[in-house]
Structure formats: structure tokens, C-alpha cells
Amino acid sequence: MSTSFFGKYIVPEAAALRNSDSYRTIPPIDDGAAREVLYSGTRLLNLASNNYLGLSSHPELIKASTKALVRHGCSSGASRLITGNFALAETLEAELATFKYQESALVTGSGYAANLAVFTALADRHTVVFSDRLNHASIIDGILLSGARLVRYRHLDMAHLEKLLAREALVQKKIIVTDTVFSMDGDVAPLARLVELGKAHGALIVVDEAHAMGVLGRGRGLAAALGLSEDVDVHVGTLSKALGSLGGYVAGRVETIELLRNRGRSFIFSTALPPAVLAASLAALRHLKSNHGLGARLMRLSKDIRDHLIGLGFDTMGSTTQIIPVFCGRNRVALHAQDLLRAEGLLVAAVRPPTVPQGTARLRLTLRADLTDDDIKRIRLGFSRLRVSFFP
């Protein structure tokens, strides 16, 4: 160990972080995907999980996962390209491709890994990638890892994107990438206009449907909801949010998936997902296809809660989905509001920089389709009391 480096750099940086209101710790939570969680032994209504449809403990997923675990064991044992393949993986990919109206699909270890695979396979130092300023960190990291030049356009600002595309008119290889539902603001991308600009400027269109999969477009995402599935070139998503399992995927044309399989670093150099996880994901996808109204229910109850918050005078920052931020501004305000809601029996995330821009700390509700009428009343009452006691 280099003690001089440790003492000179790591110790003071850790101390400074520990003494700031940006310091993060792992919360004392058990059963964190459940509708109700144990937080230091106290039961709280979970408004912070991405288990949007409440499927993580669904009997169909548990049965399928258990069967695969007993038959195949705990691990895949290797990369998919070596010996880590299962028929379950191939079936899941085939059904994902069909569900997303695409020719082919590839399953990865996470949604993060999916974005790294996309950009390391499809972009290089001759590529310019135009990215919404609020896109997820995995998109940014994938672009940087690829060696491509990153150009950020203002959030949802298609006029700014058009100007930047015109400025780079001589560049041959261009990619436009966006989240479809933004994870911290809960708003949606102007996908139709983005597709128009992509076609006009010869740019590949990549969308990340992580927070739209299972919720919008009868579960297929925003592109399907808008009838743009065939106009989007690359569809990225996750199996670990609404589908209640683990992993990511990329769907698109056969040639695109071939390139990812051969050049996507996070796919090539990672041990494949275990069979129990693949089986759970497949069961979740099939359940979603048979119960496509789950997302619509989630959107209805989300509107009900959002309208209540707006009526109380809270700023929900333009949210139109199941992700509802409540603007606080300062870190300490968000943390104190989180504590007050916890006392009301509600677990809500307090999101601070660098996850969000400086000065925009917020509470973040991530709602779920298995909330009951009594749960809705608890949420309404908790925020009404928060408004009176903390935001007079």
C-alpha cells in the first residue's frame, strides 16, 4: 500500500465528503423491492424502488426462477461467448425482439452494461454522439469509453439539437441518443421530433427505455406508444425495473446485434446472467404481455398523486410519469423533508448532486402499480402534513 498517497489524498478527501451534505451511506433497509420495507426495523411504504409493477415477488417469477435454479444451479460459469449460454437466454432474446417489434435482441448483465455495449460496438473516434444533457450516466460513460466525441444538447431542446447537428454537417458518423423517460425528472423525450432530425441529418437513433419499459405503450415503451418502433434504430432497456428481475437488453436489426455480440466490451468480457435470473425475466415478460394494462394503471395513480402534490403547492418539475420529483433546492432541505416523511411512514429518496445539477436537490417518488387505495391515502396525508410543517 502506498501510505503517502493514502494519507495525502484519500484520507482528506474521504473526511471532507463525510462532513458534507452530499455524503451517501447505504440505508438500513431489508426487502428493498417490496411494497413495504423494513427501515431500521420500522415498516415504511416504499416509494423509492424501481419495481414499478410490483413483479419482483410475483409467484410466476418465483416459480420459474426456482425451477431454473434447481435444474441449472446458481451460475452461468462464463461469458455467453465461451460456455455461459443457456436456451433460456436465447428464448428471452427472441421474445424480447418480438415484443419490441425488432429483428433481434441481446441480453446483458445490466442496463448500464447495455449502454456500454452499444457505444463501444457502434461508435469510435470518428463518431459524434449528440446526447440530452440529462441522459443517464451509463449513456455518458458508454460514449466516453467508445472514444467518440460527446456533444450535449439542452434538455428536451430540439432547436438546440438541430443547431448542433447543422454545425457538424460534415461529420459522416452521427448518433443521437436519449432516455425516453428521464430518471430524475420523470418527463419524456420529444421522440417524434428527434426521429425527424435523425432522418434529416443521417444520424443513428438510440433510445434508452429503462423507465418506460413495462409502463408506456402497453409495456413496450415510449417508441411503441408513439408508433415509432421501426423509426428508432437501437432500443436499450432493462429487466431490473418494471420487469422485477435483473439485466439489460438491446433490440434492433440483426446486423446491429451482431456487432454488439462481437464488439460490445461489457457483453464480451462479463460472466453471463445466471439461469434463475433469465427464467424470472422470461416469466416477467410473458406476464407483462398477458397483463398489458398494468402500466396504464400505474400512470393513472401517478397522475392522481402528482395532481395532489401540485395542488399542495409542490413543484413536480414537469413530471408526466410514475417518477415524480418534488423540488427542494438545497441538499439539507431535501434530507430534512425525507426525515419528516419517514416519520409519516413513507420512504422517499432524497436525490442530491452530483446525481442532479447543483441547486436542484429533490425528493423523488417512484410509484408502483401495486399501491392500494389505503396507500394512496397515506401518501396524500403524509405530503399534506409535510407541506404544513415544513413548507408553510
Protein backbone atom coordinates (compact mmCIF):
# COMPACT_ATOMS: atom_id res chain seq x y z
CA MET A 1 0.00 0.00 0.00
CA SER A 2 1.26 3.47 -0.87
CA THR A 3 0.79 5.08 2.52
CA SER A 4 1.89 8.51 1.30
CA PHE A 5 -0.80 8.54 -1.41
CA PHE A 6 -3.39 7.18 1.01
CA GLY A 7 -2.61 9.75 3.71
CA LYS A 8 -2.18 12.69 1.35
CA TYR A 9 -5.18 12.20 -0.90
CA ILE A 10 -7.65 9.51 0.15
CA VAL A 11 -7.96 10.31 3.86
CA PRO A 12 -8.64 14.08 3.50
CA GLU A 13 -11.00 13.57 0.55
CA ALA A 14 -13.00 10.97 2.48
CA ALA A 15 -13.12 13.23 5.54
CA ALA A 16 -14.33 16.21 3.51
CA LEU A 17 -17.02 14.10 1.90
CA ARG A 18 -18.09 12.64 5.23
CA ASN A 19 -18.59 16.13 6.64
CA SER A 20 -20.64 17.40 3.70
CA ASP A 21 -24.36 17.16 2.97
CA SER A 22 -23.51 15.18 -0.19
CA TYR A 23 -22.27 12.18 1.82
CA ARG A 24 -24.01 8.91 0.96
CA THR A 25 -24.49 5.79 3.04
CA ILE A 26 -26.28 2.54 2.29
CA PRO A 27 -29.67 2.78 4.03
CA PRO A 28 -30.56 0.20 6.72
CA ILE A 29 -33.22 -1.47 4.56
CA ASP A 30 -34.35 -5.06 4.28
CA ASP A 31 -36.53 -6.42 1.42
CA GLY A 32 -35.98 -3.24 -0.58
CA ALA A 33 -38.11 -4.10 -3.63
CA ALA A 34 -41.25 -4.86 -1.60
CA ARG A 35 -44.25 -2.55 -1.34
CA GLU A 36 -43.39 -2.13 2.32
CA VAL A 37 -39.80 -2.28 3.55
CA LEU A 38 -38.15 -2.57 6.93
CA TYR A 39 -36.05 0.53 7.65
CA SER A 40 -34.08 0.06 10.88
CA GLY A 41 -36.86 -2.25 11.99
CA THR A 42 -39.68 0.17 11.13
CA ARG A 43 -42.10 -0.72 8.34
CA LEU A 44 -42.40 2.00 5.67
CA LEU A 45 -44.37 2.34 2.44
CA ASN A 46 -41.81 2.03 -0.33
CA LEU A 47 -41.90 5.00 -2.72
CA ALA A 48 -38.26 4.73 -3.73
CA SER A 49 -37.96 1.42 -5.61
CA ASN A 50 -37.94 0.93 -9.39
CA ASN A 51 -40.10 -2.20 -9.02
CA TYR A 52 -42.78 -0.32 -10.94
CA LEU A 53 -45.23 -3.18 -11.48
CA GLY A 54 -44.53 -4.98 -8.20
CA LEU A 55 -43.38 -8.09 -10.08
CA SER A 56 -40.20 -8.89 -8.15
CA SER A 57 -42.07 -11.19 -5.74
CA HIS A 58 -44.78 -12.35 -8.13
CA PRO A 59 -45.46 -16.11 -7.81
CA GLU A 60 -44.96 -16.70 -11.54
CA LEU A 61 -41.44 -15.23 -11.44
CA ILE A 62 -40.51 -17.08 -8.26
CA LYS A 63 -41.75 -20.40 -9.65
CA ALA A 64 -39.85 -20.00 -12.92
CA SER A 65 -36.69 -18.85 -11.16
CA THR A 66 -36.78 -21.70 -8.64
CA LYS A 67 -37.26 -24.28 -11.38
CA ALA A 68 -34.25 -22.95 -13.29
CA LEU A 69 -32.15 -22.78 -10.13
CA VAL A 70 -32.84 -26.43 -9.28
CA ARG A 71 -32.17 -27.56 -12.85
CA HIS A 72 -29.12 -25.44 -13.74
CA GLY A 73 -27.55 -24.26 -10.47
CA CYS A 74 -26.51 -20.78 -9.36
CA SER A 75 -24.09 -19.51 -12.01
CA SER A 76 -23.65 -19.35 -15.76
CA GLY A 77 -19.95 -20.01 -15.23
CA ALA A 78 -18.58 -17.94 -18.10
CA SER A 79 -19.21 -15.34 -20.76
CA ARG A 80 -22.00 -16.16 -23.24
CA LEU A 81 -19.30 -16.43 -25.93
CA ILE A 82 -17.49 -19.19 -24.03
CA THR A 83 -19.79 -21.62 -22.17
CA GLY A 84 -22.16 -19.29 -20.30
CA ASN A 85 -25.07 -19.70 -22.69
CA PHE A 86 -28.48 -21.19 -21.90
CA ALA A 87 -31.51 -21.91 -24.05
CA LEU A 88 -33.34 -19.62 -21.60
CA ALA A 89 -31.19 -16.69 -22.77
CA GLU A 90 -31.91 -17.35 -26.42
CA THR A 91 -35.65 -17.70 -25.78
CA LEU A 92 -35.67 -14.47 -23.77
CA GLU A 93 -33.87 -12.61 -26.53
CA ALA A 94 -36.23 -13.93 -29.21
CA GLU A 95 -39.31 -12.92 -27.21
CA LEU A 96 -37.86 -9.52 -26.34
CA ALA A 97 -37.20 -8.82 -30.01
CA THR A 98 -40.77 -9.73 -30.94
CA PHE A 99 -42.18 -7.70 -28.03
CA LYS A 100 -40.19 -4.64 -29.10
CA TYR A 101 -41.11 -5.07 -32.81
CA GLN A 102 -37.43 -5.64 -33.70
CA GLU A 103 -35.50 -8.28 -35.62
CA SER A 104 -33.11 -9.33 -32.88
CA ALA A 105 -32.08 -8.70 -29.27
CA LEU A 106 -29.16 -9.22 -26.93
CA VAL A 107 -29.39 -9.62 -23.14
CA THR A 108 -26.66 -8.05 -20.97
CA GLY A 109 -25.77 -8.13 -17.29
CA SER A 110 -27.44 -4.78 -16.57
CA GLY A 111 -28.94 -1.74 -18.27
CA TYR A 112 -25.65 0.01 -17.55
CA ALA A 113 -23.78 -2.73 -19.38
CA ALA A 114 -26.23 -2.50 -22.28
CA ASN A 115 -25.36 1.16 -22.92
CA LEU A 116 -21.64 0.44 -22.65
CA ALA A 117 -22.05 -2.36 -25.19
CA VAL A 118 -23.98 -0.15 -27.62
CA PHE A 119 -21.42 2.62 -27.79
CA THR A 120 -18.27 0.50 -27.70
CA ALA A 121 -19.70 -1.51 -30.60
CA LEU A 122 -21.25 1.22 -32.74
CA ALA A 123 -19.16 4.35 -32.10
CA ASP A 124 -15.47 5.24 -32.41
CA ARG A 125 -13.23 8.28 -32.56
CA HIS A 126 -14.73 9.24 -35.92
CA THR A 127 -18.25 9.43 -34.41
CA VAL A 128 -20.07 12.39 -32.89
CA VAL A 129 -22.76 11.47 -30.36
CA PHE A 130 -25.48 14.01 -29.56
CA SER A 131 -26.80 13.35 -26.07
CA ASP A 132 -29.53 15.03 -24.00
CA ARG A 133 -27.86 16.83 -21.10
CA LEU A 134 -29.89 14.81 -18.56
CA ASN A 135 -29.25 11.38 -20.06
CA HIS A 136 -28.32 8.60 -17.65
CA ALA A 137 -24.69 8.22 -16.54
CA SER A 138 -24.42 4.86 -18.32
CA ILE A 139 -25.02 6.57 -21.65
CA ILE A 140 -22.34 9.16 -20.97
CA ASP A 141 -19.87 6.52 -19.78
CA GLY A 142 -20.53 4.38 -22.85
CA ILE A 143 -19.83 7.32 -25.15
CA LEU A 144 -16.63 8.21 -23.32
CA LEU A 145 -15.43 4.60 -23.37
CA SER A 146 -16.03 4.40 -27.13
CA GLY A 147 -13.70 7.33 -27.85
CA ALA A 148 -16.47 9.20 -29.70
CA ARG A 149 -16.88 12.96 -29.36
CA LEU A 150 -19.69 13.81 -26.98
CA VAL A 151 -21.91 16.79 -27.83
CA ARG A 152 -24.65 17.58 -25.31
CA TYR A 153 -27.83 19.41 -26.23
CA ARG A 154 -30.02 21.23 -23.73
CA HIS A 155 -32.61 19.05 -22.05
CA LEU A 156 -35.50 18.33 -24.47
CA ASP A 157 -34.42 21.30 -26.63
CA MET A 158 -34.85 20.16 -30.22
CA ALA A 159 -33.99 23.59 -31.63
CA HIS A 160 -30.62 23.37 -29.89
CA LEU A 161 -30.10 19.83 -31.17
CA GLU A 162 -30.92 20.91 -34.72
CA LYS A 163 -28.37 23.72 -34.46
CA LEU A 164 -25.68 21.34 -33.20
CA LEU A 165 -26.44 18.81 -35.94
CA ALA A 166 -26.11 21.51 -38.60
CA ARG A 167 -22.78 22.58 -37.08
CA GLU A 168 -21.49 19.02 -37.51
CA ALA A 169 -22.89 18.57 -41.02
CA LEU A 170 -19.57 17.35 -42.44
CA VAL A 171 -19.27 14.52 -39.93
CA GLN A 172 -20.25 11.21 -41.53
CA LYS A 173 -20.93 9.12 -38.42
CA LYS A 174 -23.53 10.68 -36.14
CA ILE A 175 -25.62 9.19 -33.32
CA ILE A 176 -28.46 10.80 -31.38
CA VAL A 177 -29.22 9.22 -28.02
CA THR A 178 -31.88 9.94 -25.41
CA ASP A 179 -33.60 8.47 -22.43
CA THR A 180 -37.30 8.16 -23.21
CA VAL A 181 -38.37 8.71 -19.58
CA PHE A 182 -35.82 10.70 -17.59
CA SER A 183 -34.98 9.05 -14.30
CA MET A 184 -34.68 12.14 -12.10
CA ASP A 185 -37.32 14.43 -13.64
CA GLY A 186 -39.97 11.97 -14.78
CA ASP A 187 -40.53 13.82 -18.07
CA VAL A 188 -40.40 12.27 -21.55
CA ALA A 189 -38.33 12.89 -24.66
CA PRO A 190 -39.90 14.59 -27.73
CA LEU A 191 -39.22 11.41 -29.64
CA ALA A 192 -41.14 12.18 -32.83
CA ARG A 193 -39.16 15.36 -33.45
CA LEU A 194 -35.92 13.66 -32.50
CA VAL A 195 -36.58 10.95 -35.11
CA GLU A 196 -37.28 13.62 -37.73
CA LEU A 197 -33.96 15.31 -37.01
CA GLY A 198 -32.15 11.99 -37.11
CA LYS A 199 -33.52 11.19 -40.54
CA ALA A 200 -32.79 14.67 -41.86
CA HIS A 201 -29.15 14.54 -40.74
CA GLY A 202 -28.41 10.85 -41.32
CA ALA A 203 -27.94 10.08 -37.64
CA LEU A 204 -28.48 6.73 -35.94
CA ILE A 205 -31.22 6.95 -33.27
CA VAL A 206 -30.62 5.24 -29.91
CA VAL A 207 -33.18 5.31 -27.12
CA ASP A 208 -32.95 4.05 -23.56
CA GLU A 209 -36.38 2.83 -22.44
CA ALA A 210 -35.28 1.80 -18.92
CA HIS A 211 -38.06 3.70 -17.13
CA ALA A 212 -40.65 3.30 -19.89
CA MET A 213 -40.40 -0.47 -20.39
CA GLY A 214 -43.41 -2.12 -18.77
CA VAL A 215 -45.16 1.21 -18.25
CA LEU A 216 -45.81 3.01 -21.56
CA GLY A 217 -47.07 1.65 -24.87
CA ARG A 218 -48.78 -1.43 -23.39
CA GLY A 219 -45.47 -2.17 -21.71
CA ARG A 220 -43.32 -1.84 -24.82
CA GLY A 221 -42.07 1.69 -24.10
CA LEU A 222 -42.44 5.21 -25.47
CA ALA A 223 -41.32 4.37 -29.00
CA ALA A 224 -44.15 1.85 -29.32
CA ALA A 225 -46.63 4.21 -27.65
CA LEU A 226 -45.88 6.80 -30.35
CA GLY A 227 -45.80 4.29 -33.22
CA LEU A 228 -42.08 4.90 -33.73
CA SER A 229 -40.65 1.45 -33.05
CA GLU A 230 -39.43 1.00 -36.63
CA ASP A 231 -38.04 4.55 -36.80
CA VAL A 232 -35.73 4.04 -33.83
CA ASP A 233 -32.56 2.15 -34.73
CA VAL A 234 -31.44 0.88 -31.33
CA HIS A 235 -33.71 0.14 -28.36
CA VAL A 236 -31.96 -0.18 -24.98
CA GLY A 237 -33.80 -1.26 -21.85
CA THR A 238 -33.65 -3.04 -18.54
CA LEU A 239 -35.10 -6.15 -16.97
CA SER A 240 -34.46 -4.89 -13.44
CA LYS A 241 -37.14 -2.22 -13.05
CA ALA A 242 -40.72 -2.86 -14.19
CA LEU A 243 -39.91 -6.50 -15.00
CA GLY A 244 -38.74 -7.12 -11.44
CA SER A 245 -35.65 -9.15 -12.34
CA LEU A 246 -32.08 -8.25 -13.34
CA GLY A 247 -30.22 -7.43 -16.51
CA GLY A 248 -30.43 -5.24 -19.58
CA TYR A 249 -31.13 -5.71 -23.27
CA VAL A 250 -30.56 -4.14 -26.65
CA ALA A 251 -33.00 -4.69 -29.51
CA GLY A 252 -32.65 -3.70 -33.15
CA ARG A 253 -31.75 -5.01 -36.58
CA VAL A 254 -29.87 -8.28 -36.93
CA GLU A 255 -26.66 -6.58 -38.08
CA THR A 256 -26.71 -4.20 -35.10
CA ILE A 257 -26.97 -7.08 -32.63
CA GLU A 258 -24.19 -8.95 -34.47
CA LEU A 259 -21.88 -6.00 -33.93
CA LEU A 260 -22.77 -5.80 -30.24
CA ARG A 261 -22.16 -9.51 -29.79
CA ASN A 262 -18.71 -9.14 -31.33
CA ARG A 263 -17.61 -5.68 -30.17
CA GLY A 264 -19.63 -4.75 -27.09
CA ARG A 265 -16.98 -4.84 -24.37
CA SER A 266 -19.36 -5.13 -21.41
CA PHE A 267 -21.03 -8.13 -23.07
CA ILE A 268 -17.87 -9.89 -24.24
CA PHE A 269 -15.92 -9.55 -21.01
CA SER A 270 -18.66 -10.29 -18.44
CA THR A 271 -19.92 -13.54 -16.98
CA ALA A 272 -23.44 -14.15 -18.30
CA LEU A 273 -26.56 -13.78 -16.18
CA PRO A 274 -27.40 -16.90 -14.13
CA PRO A 275 -30.24 -19.15 -15.32
CA ALA A 276 -32.54 -18.33 -12.38
CA VAL A 277 -32.43 -14.65 -13.38
CA LEU A 278 -33.05 -15.43 -17.06
CA ALA A 279 -36.06 -17.55 -16.14
CA ALA A 280 -37.50 -14.81 -13.92
CA SER A 281 -37.07 -12.25 -16.71
CA LEU A 282 -38.78 -14.52 -19.23
CA ALA A 283 -41.68 -15.13 -16.84
CA ALA A 284 -41.99 -11.38 -16.23
CA LEU A 285 -42.03 -10.61 -19.95
CA ARG A 286 -44.76 -13.19 -20.55
CA HIS A 287 -46.76 -11.88 -17.59
CA LEU A 288 -46.47 -8.36 -18.99
CA LYS A 289 -47.72 -9.47 -22.41
CA SER A 290 -50.79 -11.03 -20.76
CA ASN A 291 -51.38 -8.08 -18.42
CA HIS A 292 -50.57 -5.05 -20.52
CA GLY A 293 -52.93 -2.81 -18.51
CA LEU A 294 -50.58 -2.72 -15.50
CA GLY A 295 -48.65 0.25 -16.86
CA ALA A 296 -51.82 2.19 -17.62
CA ARG A 297 -52.98 1.70 -14.03
CA LEU A 298 -49.63 2.97 -12.79
CA MET A 299 -49.92 6.07 -14.97
CA ARG A 300 -53.43 6.80 -13.64
CA LEU A 301 -52.47 6.61 -9.99
CA SER A 302 -49.30 8.61 -10.71
CA LYS A 303 -51.40 11.42 -12.17
CA ASP A 304 -53.62 11.33 -9.09
CA ILE A 305 -50.64 11.70 -6.74
CA ARG A 306 -48.95 14.32 -8.92
CA ASP A 307 -52.11 16.43 -9.11
CA HIS A 308 -52.40 16.25 -5.31
CA LEU A 309 -48.80 17.41 -4.86
CA ILE A 310 -49.25 20.27 -7.32
CA GLY A 311 -52.46 21.23 -5.52
CA LEU A 312 -50.48 21.47 -2.28
CA GLY A 313 -48.06 23.86 -3.98
CA PHE A 314 -45.15 21.50 -4.57
CA ASP A 315 -43.04 21.84 -7.72
CA THR A 316 -43.02 18.46 -9.51
CA MET A 317 -40.59 19.73 -12.17
CA GLY A 318 -42.58 18.82 -15.28
CA SER A 319 -43.07 15.14 -14.46
CA THR A 320 -45.66 13.26 -16.52
CA THR A 321 -44.85 9.70 -15.45
CA GLN A 322 -44.51 7.42 -12.42
CA ILE A 323 -41.31 9.24 -11.44
CA ILE A 324 -42.32 12.36 -9.52
CA PRO A 325 -39.68 14.76 -8.20
CA VAL A 326 -40.51 17.33 -5.53
CA PHE A 327 -38.14 20.26 -5.82
CA CYS A 328 -36.26 21.23 -2.64
CA GLY A 329 -33.22 23.12 -3.93
CA ARG A 330 -30.75 22.71 -1.10
CA ASN A 331 -29.40 19.34 -0.01
CA ARG A 332 -30.26 19.89 3.64
CA VAL A 333 -33.85 20.77 2.77
CA ALA A 334 -34.25 17.51 0.84
CA LEU A 335 -32.71 15.45 3.63
CA HIS A 336 -34.87 17.07 6.32
CA ALA A 337 -38.03 16.60 4.24
CA GLN A 338 -37.08 12.95 3.75
CA ASP A 339 -36.78 12.52 7.53
CA LEU A 340 -40.18 14.09 8.12
CA LEU A 341 -41.83 11.80 5.57
CA ARG A 342 -40.15 8.79 7.13
CA ALA A 343 -41.82 9.75 10.41
CA GLU A 344 -45.11 9.61 8.46
CA GLY A 345 -44.34 6.05 7.37
CA LEU A 346 -43.21 6.93 3.83
CA LEU A 347 -39.83 6.03 2.30
CA VAL A 348 -38.91 8.59 -0.37
CA ALA A 349 -35.49 9.14 -1.94
CA ALA A 350 -33.62 12.40 -1.34
CA VAL A 351 -31.61 12.97 -4.52
CA ARG A 352 -28.67 15.37 -4.39
CA PRO A 353 -25.78 16.44 -6.61
CA PRO A 354 -23.88 15.06 -8.43
CA THR A 355 -26.82 12.82 -9.37
CA VAL A 356 -28.75 16.01 -10.22
CA PRO A 357 -27.41 19.51 -11.03
CA GLN A 358 -26.26 21.77 -8.21
CA GLY A 359 -29.12 23.62 -6.53
CA THR A 360 -31.77 21.12 -7.66
CA ALA A 361 -31.84 18.65 -4.77
CA ARG A 362 -35.22 16.97 -4.61
CA LEU A 363 -37.39 14.28 -3.16
CA ARG A 364 -38.03 11.58 -5.75
CA LEU A 365 -41.11 9.39 -5.69
CA THR A 366 -41.09 6.27 -7.84
CA LEU A 367 -44.61 4.93 -7.75
CA ARG A 368 -45.75 1.36 -8.35
CA ALA A 369 -48.82 -0.36 -9.72
CA ASP A 370 -49.45 -2.47 -6.60
CA LEU A 371 -50.22 0.53 -4.36
CA THR A 372 -53.58 0.14 -2.63
CA ASP A 373 -56.27 2.76 -2.02
CA ASP A 374 -55.11 2.95 1.60
CA ASP A 375 -51.53 3.53 0.38
CA ILE A 376 -52.71 6.44 -1.77
CA LYS A 377 -54.42 7.97 1.27
CA ARG A 378 -51.22 7.59 3.31
CA ILE A 379 -49.22 9.37 0.60
CA ARG A 380 -51.73 12.20 0.38
CA LEU A 381 -51.81 12.66 4.15
CA GLY A 382 -48.04 12.46 4.55
CA PHE A 383 -47.34 15.16 1.98
CA SER A 384 -50.17 17.34 3.30
CA ARG A 385 -48.53 17.24 6.72
CA LEU A 386 -45.11 17.88 5.18
CA ARG A 387 -46.49 20.96 3.45
CA VAL A 388 -47.91 22.36 6.68
CA SER A 389 -44.92 21.61 8.88
CA PHE A 390 -42.00 22.20 6.53
CA PHE A 391 -43.15 24.22 3.52
CA PRO A 392 -45.65 26.70 5.05
